[in-house]
Amino acid sequence: MFSLIQKWEEREAEGNMTKGKDEQTIDGMSLKRIRELIENLKSEQYQPKPSRRVYI
């Protein structure tokens, strides 16, 4: 939970406008969504989407 909050506080750092698999940036995340993620992690109900593979 601490690292998720820390990441939220660092959201203005350079490079944070990179979109993730869900096409959202950290800047586009609301505090409500962060709280929901924390609650899902605590209750072990969080189901992450599969990561995208990029072959070089």
C-alpha atoms as a PDB file:
ATOM      1  CA  MET A   1       0.000   0.000   0.000  1.00  0.00           C
ATOM      2  CA  PHE A   2       2.830   2.412   0.826  1.00  0.00           C
ATOM      3  CA  SER A   3       4.406   2.011  -2.590  1.00  0.00           C
ATOM      4  CA  LEU A   4       1.074   2.702  -4.322  1.00  0.00           C
ATOM      5  CA  ILE A   5       0.681   5.921  -2.347  1.00  0.00           C
ATOM      6  CA  GLN A   6       4.295   6.824  -3.032  1.00  0.00           C
ATOM      7  CA  LYS A   7       3.744   6.302  -6.752  1.00  0.00           C
ATOM      8  CA  TRP A   8       0.694   8.566  -6.593  1.00  0.00           C
ATOM      9  CA  GLU A   9       2.807  11.292  -5.003  1.00  0.00           C
ATOM     10  CA  GLU A  10       5.473  10.869  -7.705  1.00  0.00           C
ATOM     11  CA  ARG A  11       2.955  11.095 -10.537  1.00  0.00           C
ATOM     12  CA  GLU A  12       4.355  14.409 -11.750  1.00  0.00           C
ATOM     13  CA  ALA A  13       7.814  12.961 -12.417  1.00  0.00           C
ATOM     14  CA  GLU A  14       9.116  12.884 -15.975  1.00  0.00           C
ATOM     15  CA  GLY A  15       7.928   9.853 -17.949  1.00  0.00           C
ATOM     16  CA  ASN A  16       4.693   9.350 -16.020  1.00  0.00           C
ATOM     17  CA  MET A  17       2.610  10.233 -19.031  1.00  0.00           C
ATOM     18  CA  THR A  18       3.401   6.820 -20.546  1.00  0.00           C
ATOM     19  CA  LYS A  19       0.203   4.823 -20.992  1.00  0.00           C
ATOM     20  CA  GLY A  20      -0.122   1.413 -19.425  1.00  0.00           C
ATOM     21  CA  LYS A  21      -1.906  -1.682 -20.722  1.00  0.00           C
ATOM     22  CA  ASP A  22      -5.267  -0.141 -19.845  1.00  0.00           C
ATOM     23  CA  GLU A  23      -4.361   2.986 -21.878  1.00  0.00           C
ATOM     24  CA  GLN A  24      -4.387   5.179 -18.749  1.00  0.00           C
ATOM     25  CA  THR A  25      -1.634   7.359 -17.371  1.00  0.00           C
ATOM     26  CA  ILE A  26      -0.896   7.898 -13.694  1.00  0.00           C
ATOM     27  CA  ASP A  27      -2.048  11.469 -14.170  1.00  0.00           C
ATOM     28  CA  GLY A  28      -5.463  10.191 -15.250  1.00  0.00           C
ATOM     29  CA  MET A  29      -6.006   8.144 -12.071  1.00  0.00           C
ATOM     30  CA  SER A  30      -8.304   9.625  -9.463  1.00  0.00           C
ATOM     31  CA  LEU A  31      -7.923   9.255  -5.713  1.00  0.00           C
ATOM     32  CA  LYS A  32     -11.141   7.227  -5.757  1.00  0.00           C
ATOM     33  CA  ARG A  33      -9.545   4.689  -8.116  1.00  0.00           C
ATOM     34  CA  ILE A  34      -6.404   4.549  -5.960  1.00  0.00           C
ATOM     35  CA  ARG A  35      -8.524   3.856  -2.864  1.00  0.00           C
ATOM     36  CA  GLU A  36     -10.449   1.136  -4.706  1.00  0.00           C
ATOM     37  CA  LEU A  37      -7.175  -0.493  -5.758  1.00  0.00           C
ATOM     38  CA  ILE A  38      -5.915  -0.417  -2.172  1.00  0.00           C
ATOM     39  CA  GLU A  39      -9.130  -1.993  -0.873  1.00  0.00           C
ATOM     40  CA  ASN A  40      -8.999  -4.701  -3.556  1.00  0.00           C
ATOM     41  CA  LEU A  41      -5.382  -5.457  -2.663  1.00  0.00           C
ATOM     42  CA  LYS A  42      -6.199  -5.686   1.055  1.00  0.00           C
ATOM     43  CA  SER A  43      -9.147  -8.010   0.465  1.00  0.00           C
ATOM     44  CA  GLU A  44      -7.141 -10.067  -2.062  1.00  0.00           C
ATOM     45  CA  GLN A  45      -9.737  -9.424  -4.783  1.00  0.00           C
ATOM     46  CA  TYR A  46      -7.431  -7.554  -7.173  1.00  0.00           C
ATOM     47  CA  GLN A  47      -7.199  -9.225 -10.570  1.00  0.00           C
ATOM     48  CA  PRO A  48      -4.528  -7.549 -12.719  1.00  0.00           C
ATOM     49  CA  LYS A  49      -4.761  -7.673 -16.478  1.00  0.00           C
ATOM     50  CA  PRO A  50      -2.119  -9.779 -18.226  1.00  0.00           C
ATOM     51  CA  SER A  51       0.968  -7.828 -19.180  1.00  0.00           C
ATOM     52  CA  ARG A  52       1.664  -6.981 -22.790  1.00  0.00           C
ATOM     53  CA  ARG A  53       4.711  -8.653 -24.302  1.00  0.00           C
ATOM     54  CA  VAL A  54       6.956  -6.733 -26.623  1.00  0.00           C
ATOM     55  CA  TYR A  55       9.545  -8.770 -28.474  1.00  0.00           C
ATOM     56  CA  ILE A  56      12.710  -7.008 -29.536  1.00  0.00           C
END
